[in-house]
Amino acid sequence: MERAVEGCLNDAMVDQAVKGVTCVDASGLCLDSRGTLKGEGPAAAIAELARLARKLDTNVPASPGQQSSTTANMPVVSLEADKSRVLITQNAGVTIGIHRMT
């Protein structure tokens, strides 16, 4: 899994608009990260925002590890600033954050 995560993050960073990416497990621990989202601090914040987004939508599982027919419909959190955006989503118990310039 480590190589798959590393490959996905490297692929995302090839896009010139992408300034940072992070991958966080179901426990909130940073699996790997790059650029502006590197480290445990951004990973913890992204995991918490994803957790809060799940609480707002009653059609998704309460925890990221739970499987259901609505797993494909996990909320996407979008934090926007003047010139950049951070997108956060979850799939199969893994939270992904991407920081892009707009």
PDB file of N, CA and C in Angstrom:
ATOM      1  N   MET A   1       0.825  -1.198   0.000  1.00  0.00           N
ATOM      2  CA  MET A   1       0.000   0.000   0.000  1.00  0.00           C
ATOM      3  C   MET A   1       0.868   1.260   0.000  1.00  0.00           C
ATOM      4  N   GLU A   2       2.011   1.172   0.679  1.00  0.00           N
ATOM      5  CA  GLU A   2       2.874   2.351   0.778  1.00  0.00           C
ATOM      6  C   GLU A   2       3.320   2.835  -0.601  1.00  0.00           C
ATOM      7  N   ARG A   3       3.679   1.905  -1.473  1.00  0.00           N
ATOM      8  CA  ARG A   3       4.098   2.294  -2.824  1.00  0.00           C
ATOM      9  C   ARG A   3       2.942   2.885  -3.614  1.00  0.00           C
ATOM     10  N   ALA A   4       1.746   2.333  -3.421  1.00  0.00           N
ATOM     11  CA  ALA A   4       0.572   2.858  -4.132  1.00  0.00           C
ATOM     12  C   ALA A   4       0.284   4.289  -3.697  1.00  0.00           C
ATOM     13  N   VAL A   5       0.346   4.545  -2.397  1.00  0.00           N
ATOM     14  CA  VAL A   5       0.112   5.896  -1.871  1.00  0.00           C
ATOM     15  C   VAL A   5       1.180   6.844  -2.400  1.00  0.00           C
ATOM     16  N   GLU A   6       2.422   6.428  -2.325  1.00  0.00           N
ATOM     17  CA  GLU A   6       3.527   7.263  -2.797  1.00  0.00           C
ATOM     18  C   GLU A   6       3.373   7.579  -4.284  1.00  0.00           C
ATOM     19  N   GLY A   7       2.990   6.581  -5.072  1.00  0.00           N
ATOM     20  CA  GLY A   7       2.792   6.788  -6.504  1.00  0.00           C
ATOM     21  C   GLY A   7       1.669   7.764  -6.798  1.00  0.00           C
ATOM     22  N   CYS A   8       0.561   7.643  -6.068  1.00  0.00           N
ATOM     23  CA  CYS A   8      -0.572   8.557  -6.264  1.00  0.00           C
ATOM     24  C   CYS A   8      -0.190   9.994  -5.921  1.00  0.00           C
ATOM     25  N   LEU A   9       0.518  10.173  -4.816  1.00  0.00           N
ATOM     26  CA  LEU A   9       0.921  11.520  -4.423  1.00  0.00           C
ATOM     27  C   LEU A   9       1.903  12.115  -5.430  1.00  0.00           C
ATOM     28  N   ASN A  10       2.843  11.302  -5.893  1.00  0.00           N
ATOM     29  CA  ASN A  10       3.791  11.790  -6.899  1.00  0.00           C
ATOM     30  C   ASN A  10       3.075  12.161  -8.191  1.00  0.00           C
ATOM     31  N   ASP A  11       2.101  11.337  -8.606  1.00  0.00           N
ATOM     32  CA  ASP A  11       1.324  11.632  -9.817  1.00  0.00           C
ATOM     33  C   ASP A  11       0.570  12.949  -9.672  1.00  0.00           C
ATOM     34  N   ALA A  12      -0.012  13.178  -8.497  1.00  0.00           N
ATOM     35  CA  ALA A  12      -0.767  14.417  -8.276  1.00  0.00           C
ATOM     36  C   ALA A  12       0.147  15.634  -8.335  1.00  0.00           C
ATOM     37  N   MET A  13       1.351  15.510  -7.813  1.00  0.00           N
ATOM     38  CA  MET A  13       2.274  16.645  -7.764  1.00  0.00           C
ATOM     39  C   MET A  13       2.849  17.008  -9.137  1.00  0.00           C
ATOM     40  N   VAL A  14       2.665  16.152 -10.136  1.00  0.00           N
ATOM     41  CA  VAL A  14       3.131  16.457 -11.495  1.00  0.00           C
ATOM     42  C   VAL A  14       2.371  17.651 -12.066  1.00  0.00           C
ATOM     43  N   ASP A  15       1.101  17.785 -11.694  1.00  0.00           N
ATOM     44  CA  ASP A  15       0.277  18.914 -12.147  1.00  0.00           C
ATOM     45  C   ASP A  15       0.849  20.197 -11.540  1.00  0.00           C
ATOM     46  N   GLN A  16       1.201  21.159 -12.378  1.00  0.00           N
ATOM     47  CA  GLN A  16       1.813  22.409 -11.918  1.00  0.00           C
ATOM     48  C   GLN A  16       0.910  23.203 -10.976  1.00  0.00           C
ATOM     49  N   ALA A  17      -0.404  23.028 -11.081  1.00  0.00           N
ATOM     50  CA  ALA A  17      -1.336  23.759 -10.217  1.00  0.00           C
ATOM     51  C   ALA A  17      -1.395  23.170  -8.813  1.00  0.00           C
ATOM     52  N   VAL A  18      -0.999  21.912  -8.650  1.00  0.00           N
ATOM     53  CA  VAL A  18      -1.041  21.248  -7.345  1.00  0.00           C
ATOM     54  C   VAL A  18       0.195  21.648  -6.550  1.00  0.00           C
ATOM     55  N   LYS A  19      -0.049  22.200  -5.361  1.00  0.00           N
ATOM     56  CA  LYS A  19       1.039  22.662  -4.495  1.00  0.00           C
ATOM     57  C   LYS A  19       1.273  21.750  -3.300  1.00  0.00           C
ATOM     58  N   GLY A  20       0.296  20.886  -2.989  1.00  0.00           N
ATOM     59  CA  GLY A  20       0.457  19.971  -1.874  1.00  0.00           C
ATOM     60  C   GLY A  20      -0.590  18.886  -1.888  1.00  0.00           C
ATOM     61  N   VAL A  21      -0.223  17.707  -1.380  1.00  0.00           N
ATOM     62  CA  VAL A  21      -1.158  16.589  -1.248  1.00  0.00           C
ATOM     63  C   VAL A  21      -0.841  15.850   0.043  1.00  0.00           C
ATOM     64  N   THR A  22      -1.862  15.246   0.632  1.00  0.00           N
ATOM     65  CA  THR A  22      -1.662  14.431   1.822  1.00  0.00           C
ATOM     66  C   THR A  22      -2.630  13.262   1.798  1.00  0.00           C
ATOM     67  N   CYS A  23      -2.225  12.186   2.435  1.00  0.00           N
ATOM     68  CA  CYS A  23      -3.036  10.981   2.540  1.00  0.00           C
ATOM     69  C   CYS A  23      -3.036  10.577   4.017  1.00  0.00           C
ATOM     70  N   VAL A  24      -4.233  10.436   4.594  1.00  0.00           N
ATOM     71  CA  VAL A  24      -4.390  10.206   6.029  1.00  0.00           C
ATOM     72  C   VAL A  24      -5.202   8.934   6.248  1.00  0.00           C
ATOM     73  N   ASP A  25      -4.781   8.074   7.186  1.00  0.00           N
ATOM     74  CA  ASP A  25      -5.533   6.844   7.437  1.00  0.00           C
ATOM     75  C   ASP A  25      -6.746   7.097   8.331  1.00  0.00           C
ATOM     76  N   ALA A  26      -7.520   6.044   8.588  1.00  0.00           N
ATOM     77  CA  ALA A  26      -8.761   6.158   9.359  1.00  0.00           C
ATOM     78  C   ALA A  26      -8.517   6.613  10.796  1.00  0.00           C
ATOM     79  N   SER A  27      -7.301   6.459  11.301  1.00  0.00           N
ATOM     80  CA  SER A  27      -6.964   6.899  12.658  1.00  0.00           C
ATOM     81  C   SER A  27      -6.480   8.341  12.702  1.00  0.00           C
ATOM     82  N   GLY A  28      -6.388   8.982  11.538  1.00  0.00           N
ATOM     83  CA  GLY A  28      -5.925  10.359  11.479  1.00  0.00           C
ATOM     84  C   GLY A  28      -4.420  10.500  11.356  1.00  0.00           C
ATOM     85  N   LEU A  29      -3.724   9.388  11.109  1.00  0.00           N
ATOM     86  CA  LEU A  29      -2.270   9.429  10.971  1.00  0.00           C
ATOM     87  C   LEU A  29      -1.881   9.664   9.518  1.00  0.00           C
ATOM     88  N   CYS A  30      -0.904  10.502   9.315  1.00  0.00           N
ATOM     89  CA  CYS A  30      -0.429  10.826   7.972  1.00  0.00           C
ATOM     90  C   CYS A  30       0.304   9.623   7.384  1.00  0.00           C
ATOM     91  N   LEU A  31      -0.215   9.104   6.261  1.00  0.00           N
ATOM     92  CA  LEU A  31       0.451   8.008   5.566  1.00  0.00           C
ATOM     93  C   LEU A  31       1.604   8.532   4.719  1.00  0.00           C
ATOM     94  N   ASP A  32       1.376   9.659   4.065  1.00  0.00           N
ATOM     95  CA  ASP A  32       2.402  10.304   3.247  1.00  0.00           C
ATOM     96  C   ASP A  32       1.883  11.673   2.834  1.00  0.00           C
ATOM     97  N   SER A  33       2.777  12.574   2.509  1.00  0.00           N
ATOM     98  CA  SER A  33       2.360  13.919   2.109  1.00  0.00           C
ATOM     99  C   SER A  33       3.464  14.582   1.309  1.00  0.00           C
ATOM    100  N   ARG A  34       3.077  15.633   0.595  1.00  0.00           N
ATOM    101  CA  ARG A  34       4.013  16.376  -0.240  1.00  0.00           C
ATOM    102  C   ARG A  34       3.672  17.864  -0.192  1.00  0.00           C
ATOM    103  N   GLY A  35       4.642  18.704  -0.483  1.00  0.00           N
ATOM    104  CA  GLY A  35       4.424  20.132  -0.680  1.00  0.00           C
ATOM    105  C   GLY A  35       3.835  20.860   0.516  1.00  0.00           C
ATOM    106  N   THR A  36       2.869  21.735   0.246  1.00  0.00           N
ATOM    107  CA  THR A  36       2.288  22.601   1.276  1.00  0.00           C
ATOM    108  C   THR A  36       1.495  21.840   2.332  1.00  0.00           C
ATOM    109  N   LEU A  37       1.122  20.594   2.052  1.00  0.00           N
ATOM    110  CA  LEU A  37       0.360  19.799   3.024  1.00  0.00           C
ATOM    111  C   LEU A  37       1.240  18.761   3.711  1.00  0.00           C
ATOM    112  N   LYS A  38       2.545  18.939   3.662  1.00  0.00           N
ATOM    113  CA  LYS A  38       3.474  17.980   4.252  1.00  0.00           C
ATOM    114  C   LYS A  38       3.430  18.045   5.775  1.00  0.00           C
ATOM    115  N   GLY A  39       3.424  16.875   6.404  1.00  0.00           N
ATOM    116  CA  GLY A  39       3.534  16.788   7.849  1.00  0.00           C
ATOM    117  C   GLY A  39       2.245  16.422   8.559  1.00  0.00           C
ATOM    118  N   GLU A  40       2.386  16.205   9.854  1.00  0.00           N
ATOM    119  CA  GLU A  40       1.258  15.772  10.688  1.00  0.00           C
ATOM    120  C   GLU A  40       0.239  16.879  10.938  1.00  0.00           C
ATOM    121  N   GLY A  41       0.669  18.138  11.013  1.00  0.00           N
ATOM    122  CA  GLY A  41      -0.262  19.243  11.283  1.00  0.00           C
ATOM    123  C   GLY A  41      -1.350  19.365  10.231  1.00  0.00           C
ATOM    124  N   PRO A  42      -0.978  19.531   8.956  1.00  0.00           N
ATOM    125  CA  PRO A  42      -2.005  19.595   7.914  1.00  0.00           C
ATOM    126  C   PRO A  42      -2.822  18.307   7.825  1.00  0.00           C
ATOM    127  N   ALA A  43      -2.176  17.165   8.022  1.00  0.00           N
ATOM    128  CA  ALA A  43      -2.886  15.885   7.940  1.00  0.00           C
ATOM    129  C   ALA A  43      -3.971  15.791   9.012  1.00  0.00           C
ATOM    130  N   ALA A  44      -3.648  16.212  10.228  1.00  0.00           N
ATOM    131  CA  ALA A  44      -4.627  16.165  11.318  1.00  0.00           C
ATOM    132  C   ALA A  44      -5.802  17.097  11.043  1.00  0.00           C
ATOM    133  N   ALA A  45      -5.524  18.291  10.532  1.00  0.00           N
ATOM    134  CA  ALA A  45      -6.596  19.241  10.219  1.00  0.00           C
ATOM    135  C   ALA A  45      -7.495  18.701   9.116  1.00  0.00           C
ATOM    136  N   ILE A  46      -6.910  18.109   8.096  1.00  0.00           N
ATOM    137  CA  ILE A  46      -7.684  17.561   6.980  1.00  0.00           C
ATOM    138  C   ILE A  46      -8.534  16.386   7.447  1.00  0.00           C
ATOM    139  N   ALA A  47      -7.981  15.517   8.277  1.00  0.00           N
ATOM    140  CA  ALA A  47      -8.752  14.390   8.809  1.00  0.00           C
ATOM    141  C   ALA A  47      -9.939  14.886   9.635  1.00  0.00           C
ATOM    142  N   GLU A  48      -9.728  15.918  10.429  1.00  0.00           N
ATOM    143  CA  GLU A  48     -10.810  16.462  11.263  1.00  0.00           C
ATOM    144  C   GLU A  48     -11.895  17.113  10.412  1.00  0.00           C
ATOM    145  N   LEU A  49     -11.521  17.846   9.378  1.00  0.00           N
ATOM    146  CA  LEU A  49     -12.523  18.454   8.493  1.00  0.00           C
ATOM    147  C   LEU A  49     -13.352  17.382   7.788  1.00  0.00           C
ATOM    148  N   ALA A  50     -12.719  16.306   7.362  1.00  0.00           N
ATOM    149  CA  ALA A  50     -13.456  15.213   6.725  1.00  0.00           C
ATOM    150  C   ALA A  50     -14.418  14.565   7.719  1.00  0.00           C
ATOM    151  N   ARG A  51     -13.965  14.399   8.965  1.00  0.00           N
ATOM    152  CA  ARG A  51     -14.828  13.808  10.000  1.00  0.00           C
ATOM    153  C   ARG A  51     -16.048  14.692  10.248  1.00  0.00           C
ATOM    154  N   LEU A  52     -15.841  15.986  10.325  1.00  0.00           N
ATOM    155  CA  LEU A  52     -16.953  16.913  10.545  1.00  0.00           C
ATOM    156  C   LEU A  52     -17.909  16.926   9.357  1.00  0.00           C
ATOM    157  N   ALA A  53     -17.390  16.824   8.150  1.00  0.00           N
ATOM    158  CA  ALA A  53     -18.246  16.783   6.959  1.00  0.00           C
ATOM    159  C   ALA A  53     -19.136  15.548   6.978  1.00  0.00           C
ATOM    160  N   ARG A  54     -18.599  14.411   7.448  1.00  0.00           N
ATOM    161  CA  ARG A  54     -19.416  13.188   7.554  1.00  0.00           C
ATOM    162  C   ARG A  54     -20.571  13.397   8.524  1.00  0.00           C
ATOM    163  N   LYS A  55     -20.353  14.159   9.593  1.00  0.00           N
ATOM    164  CA  LYS A  55     -21.412  14.410  10.576  1.00  0.00           C
ATOM    165  C   LYS A  55     -22.550  15.244   9.991  1.00  0.00           C
ATOM    166  N   LEU A  56     -22.230  16.092   9.023  1.00  0.00           N
ATOM    167  CA  LEU A  56     -23.247  16.956   8.421  1.00  0.00           C
ATOM    168  C   LEU A  56     -24.159  16.222   7.454  1.00  0.00           C
ATOM    169  N   ASP A  57     -23.698  15.115   6.906  1.00  0.00           N
ATOM    170  CA  ASP A  57     -24.479  14.365   5.920  1.00  0.00           C
ATOM    171  C   ASP A  57     -24.889  13.027   6.521  1.00  0.00           C
ATOM    172  N   THR A  58     -26.168  12.850   6.793  1.00  0.00           N
ATOM    173  CA  THR A  58     -26.656  11.621   7.423  1.00  0.00           C
ATOM    174  C   THR A  58     -26.692  10.439   6.466  1.00  0.00           C
ATOM    175  N   ASN A  59     -26.385  10.651   5.198  1.00  0.00           N
ATOM    176  CA  ASN A  59     -26.404   9.567   4.219  1.00  0.00           C
ATOM    177  C   ASN A  59     -25.063   8.865   4.063  1.00  0.00           C
ATOM    178  N   VAL A  60     -24.066   9.236   4.853  1.00  0.00           N
ATOM    179  CA  VAL A  60     -22.754   8.594   4.762  1.00  0.00           C
ATOM    180  C   VAL A  60     -22.435   7.916   6.085  1.00  0.00           C
ATOM    181  N   PRO A  61     -21.547   6.911   6.073  1.00  0.00           N
ATOM    182  CA  PRO A  61     -21.195   6.207   7.305  1.00  0.00           C
ATOM    183  C   PRO A  61     -20.598   7.151   8.348  1.00  0.00           C
ATOM    184  N   ALA A  62     -20.781   6.810   9.612  1.00  0.00           N
ATOM    185  CA  ALA A  62     -20.282   7.646  10.709  1.00  0.00           C
ATOM    186  C   ALA A  62     -18.766   7.630  10.803  1.00  0.00           C
ATOM    187  N   SER A  63     -18.138   6.532  10.381  1.00  0.00           N
ATOM    188  CA  SER A  63     -16.676   6.474  10.410  1.00  0.00           C
ATOM    189  C   SER A  63     -16.167   6.077   9.034  1.00  0.00           C
ATOM    190  N   PRO A  64     -14.955   6.517   8.682  1.00  0.00           N
ATOM    191  CA  PRO A  64     -14.455   6.296   7.333  1.00  0.00           C
ATOM    192  C   PRO A  64     -14.229   4.837   6.982  1.00  0.00           C
ATOM    193  N   GLY A  65     -14.092   3.960   7.960  1.00  0.00           N
ATOM    194  CA  GLY A  65     -13.857   2.552   7.685  1.00  0.00           C
ATOM    195  C   GLY A  65     -15.111   1.761   7.376  1.00  0.00           C
ATOM    196  N   GLN A  66     -16.277   2.308   7.687  1.00  0.00           N
ATOM    197  CA  GLN A  66     -17.526   1.595   7.440  1.00  0.00           C
ATOM    198  C   GLN A  66     -17.837   1.579   5.955  1.00  0.00           C
ATOM    199  N   GLN A  67     -18.210   0.408   5.449  1.00  0.00           N
ATOM    200  CA  GLN A  67     -18.576   0.276   4.049  1.00  0.00           C
ATOM    201  C   GLN A  67     -20.091   0.316   3.928  1.00  0.00           C
ATOM    202  N   SER A  68     -20.578   0.971   2.913  1.00  0.00           N
ATOM    203  CA  SER A  68     -22.008   0.999   2.634  1.00  0.00           C
ATOM    204  C   SER A  68     -22.201   1.354   1.182  1.00  0.00           C
ATOM    205  N   SER A  69     -23.434   1.308   0.740  1.00  0.00           N
ATOM    206  CA  SER A  69     -23.720   1.650  -0.647  1.00  0.00           C
ATOM    207  C   SER A  69     -23.488   3.129  -0.918  1.00  0.00           C
ATOM    208  N   THR A  70     -23.375   3.944   0.130  1.00  0.00           N
ATOM    209  CA  THR A  70     -23.177   5.386  -0.065  1.00  0.00           C
ATOM    210  C   THR A  70     -21.713   5.804   0.042  1.00  0.00           C
ATOM    211  N   THR A  71     -20.802   4.836   0.198  1.00  0.00           N
ATOM    212  CA  THR A  71     -19.391   5.192   0.337  1.00  0.00           C
ATOM    213  C   THR A  71     -18.911   6.021  -0.841  1.00  0.00           C
ATOM    214  N   ALA A  72     -19.435   5.753  -2.027  1.00  0.00           N
ATOM    215  CA  ALA A  72     -19.030   6.520  -3.211  1.00  0.00           C
ATOM    216  C   ALA A  72     -19.521   7.964  -3.138  1.00  0.00           C
ATOM    217  N   ASN A  73     -20.464   8.253  -2.259  1.00  0.00           N
ATOM    218  CA  ASN A  73     -21.035   9.593  -2.139  1.00  0.00           C
ATOM    219  C   ASN A  73     -20.513  10.346  -0.921  1.00  0.00           C
ATOM    220  N   MET A  74     -19.286  10.066  -0.516  1.00  0.00           N
ATOM    221  CA  MET A  74     -18.712  10.770   0.621  1.00  0.00           C
ATOM    222  C   MET A  74     -18.623  12.253   0.291  1.00  0.00           C
ATOM    223  N   PRO A  75     -18.825  13.112   1.275  1.00  0.00           N
ATOM    224  CA  PRO A  75     -18.759  14.550   1.017  1.00  0.00           C
ATOM    225  C   PRO A  75     -17.365  14.979   0.552  1.00  0.00           C
ATOM    226  N   VAL A  76     -17.336  16.010  -0.255  1.00  0.00           N
ATOM    227  CA  VAL A  76     -16.084  16.643  -0.657  1.00  0.00           C
ATOM    228  C   VAL A  76     -16.073  18.019  -0.005  1.00  0.00           C
ATOM    229  N   VAL A  77     -15.046  18.277   0.780  1.00  0.00           N
ATOM    230  CA  VAL A  77     -14.892  19.570   1.430  1.00  0.00           C
ATOM    231  C   VAL A  77     -14.019  20.430   0.521  1.00  0.00           C
ATOM    232  N   SER A  78     -14.453  21.651   0.266  1.00  0.00           N
ATOM    233  CA  SER A  78     -13.684  22.576  -0.563  1.00  0.00           C
ATOM    234  C   SER A  78     -13.456  23.860   0.225  1.00  0.00           C
ATOM    235  N   LEU A  79     -12.193  24.140   0.526  1.00  0.00           N
ATOM    236  CA  LEU A  79     -11.813  25.376   1.215  1.00  0.00           C
ATOM    237  C   LEU A  79     -11.199  26.293   0.167  1.00  0.00           C
ATOM    238  N   GLU A  80     -11.808  27.452  -0.039  1.00  0.00           N
ATOM    239  CA  GLU A  80     -11.361  28.337  -1.109  1.00  0.00           C
ATOM    240  C   GLU A  80     -10.779  29.635  -0.564  1.00  0.00           C
ATOM    241  N   ALA A  81      -9.694  30.062  -1.177  1.00  0.00           N
ATOM    242  CA  ALA A  81      -9.079  31.364  -0.910  1.00  0.00           C
ATOM    243  C   ALA A  81      -9.023  32.106  -2.243  1.00  0.00           C
ATOM    244  N   ASP A  82      -8.437  33.291  -2.242  1.00  0.00           N
ATOM    245  CA  ASP A  82      -8.383  34.083  -3.471  1.00  0.00           C
ATOM    246  C   ASP A  82      -7.728  33.342  -4.628  1.00  0.00           C
ATOM    247  N   LYS A  83      -6.617  32.678  -4.353  1.00  0.00           N
ATOM    248  CA  LYS A  83      -5.859  32.070  -5.447  1.00  0.00           C
ATOM    249  C   LYS A  83      -5.619  30.577  -5.292  1.00  0.00           C
ATOM    250  N   SER A  84      -6.246  29.950  -4.306  1.00  0.00           N
ATOM    251  CA  SER A  84      -6.037  28.514  -4.137  1.00  0.00           C
ATOM    252  C   SER A  84      -7.261  27.851  -3.523  1.00  0.00           C
ATOM    253  N   ARG A  85      -7.242  26.531  -3.571  1.00  0.00           N
ATOM    254  CA  ARG A  85      -8.347  25.730  -3.046  1.00  0.00           C
ATOM    255  C   ARG A  85      -7.764  24.441  -2.468  1.00  0.00           C
ATOM    256  N   VAL A  86      -8.320  23.985  -1.351  1.00  0.00           N
ATOM    257  CA  VAL A  86      -7.977  22.683  -0.795  1.00  0.00           C
ATOM    258  C   VAL A  86      -9.222  21.817  -0.897  1.00  0.00           C
ATOM    259  N   LEU A  87      -9.081  20.667  -1.554  1.00  0.00           N
ATOM    260  CA  LEU A  87     -10.174  19.709  -1.686  1.00  0.00           C
ATOM    261  C   LEU A  87      -9.873  18.523  -0.787  1.00  0.00           C
ATOM    262  N   ILE A  88     -10.892  18.060  -0.057  1.00  0.00           N
ATOM    263  CA  ILE A  88     -10.729  16.956   0.886  1.00  0.00           C
ATOM    264  C   ILE A  88     -11.848  15.955   0.648  1.00  0.00           C
ATOM    265  N   THR A  89     -11.494  14.681   0.528  1.00  0.00           N
ATOM    266  CA  THR A  89     -12.497  13.630   0.397  1.00  0.00           C
ATOM    267  C   THR A  89     -11.956  12.344   1.009  1.00  0.00           C
ATOM    268  N   GLN A  90     -12.823  11.349   1.111  1.00  0.00           N
ATOM    269  CA  GLN A  90     -12.435  10.061   1.678  1.00  0.00           C
ATOM    270  C   GLN A  90     -12.904   8.937   0.775  1.00  0.00           C
ATOM    271  N   ASN A  91     -12.143   7.841   0.816  1.00  0.00           N
ATOM    272  CA  ASN A  91     -12.525   6.637   0.103  1.00  0.00           C
ATOM    273  C   ASN A  91     -11.852   5.461   0.796  1.00  0.00           C
ATOM    274  N   ALA A  92     -12.619   4.449   1.124  1.00  0.00           N
ATOM    275  CA  ALA A  92     -12.104   3.223   1.742  1.00  0.00           C
ATOM    276  C   ALA A  92     -11.270   3.504   2.997  1.00  0.00           C
ATOM    277  N   GLY A  93     -11.714   4.442   3.816  1.00  0.00           N
ATOM    278  CA  GLY A  93     -11.033   4.726   5.072  1.00  0.00           C
ATOM    279  C   GLY A  93      -9.800   5.598   4.956  1.00  0.00           C
ATOM    280  N   VAL A  94      -9.512   6.104   3.761  1.00  0.00           N
ATOM    281  CA  VAL A  94      -8.354   6.968   3.541  1.00  0.00           C
ATOM    282  C   VAL A  94      -8.849   8.358   3.159  1.00  0.00           C
ATOM    283  N   THR A  95      -8.314   9.370   3.821  1.00  0.00           N
ATOM    284  CA  THR A  95      -8.662  10.758   3.522  1.00  0.00           C
ATOM    285  C   THR A  95      -7.563  11.363   2.663  1.00  0.00           C
ATOM    286  N   ILE A  96      -7.982  12.050   1.607  1.00  0.00           N
ATOM    287  CA  ILE A  96      -7.046  12.686   0.681  1.00  0.00           C
ATOM    288  C   ILE A  96      -7.284  14.192   0.706  1.00  0.00           C
ATOM    289  N   GLY A  97      -6.223  14.960   0.787  1.00  0.00           N
ATOM    290  CA  GLY A  97      -6.295  16.413   0.679  1.00  0.00           C
ATOM    291  C   GLY A  97      -5.411  16.879  -0.462  1.00  0.00           C
ATOM    292  N   ILE A  98      -5.930  17.786  -1.285  1.00  0.00           N
ATOM    293  CA  ILE A  98      -5.168  18.329  -2.412  1.00  0.00           C
ATOM    294  C   ILE A  98      -5.248  19.848  -2.367  1.00  0.00           C
ATOM    295  N   HIS A  99      -4.098  20.506  -2.365  1.00  0.00           N
ATOM    296  CA  HIS A  99      -4.022  21.972  -2.390  1.00  0.00           C
ATOM    297  C   HIS A  99      -3.646  22.387  -3.807  1.00  0.00           C
ATOM    298  N   ARG A 100      -4.536  23.131  -4.472  1.00  0.00           N
ATOM    299  CA  ARG A 100      -4.306  23.576  -5.851  1.00  0.00           C
ATOM    300  C   ARG A 100      -4.409  25.085  -5.953  1.00  0.00           C
ATOM    301  N   MET A 101      -3.642  25.629  -6.848  1.00  0.00           N
ATOM    302  CA  MET A 101      -3.769  27.043  -7.201  1.00  0.00           C
ATOM    303  C   MET A 101      -4.903  27.159  -8.211  1.00  0.00           C
ATOM    304  N   THR A 102      -5.663  28.255  -8.138  1.00  0.00           N
ATOM    305  CA  THR A 102      -6.783  28.421  -9.071  1.00  0.00           C
ATOM    306  C   THR A 102      -6.458  29.432 -10.143  1.00  0.00           C
TER     307      THR A 102
END
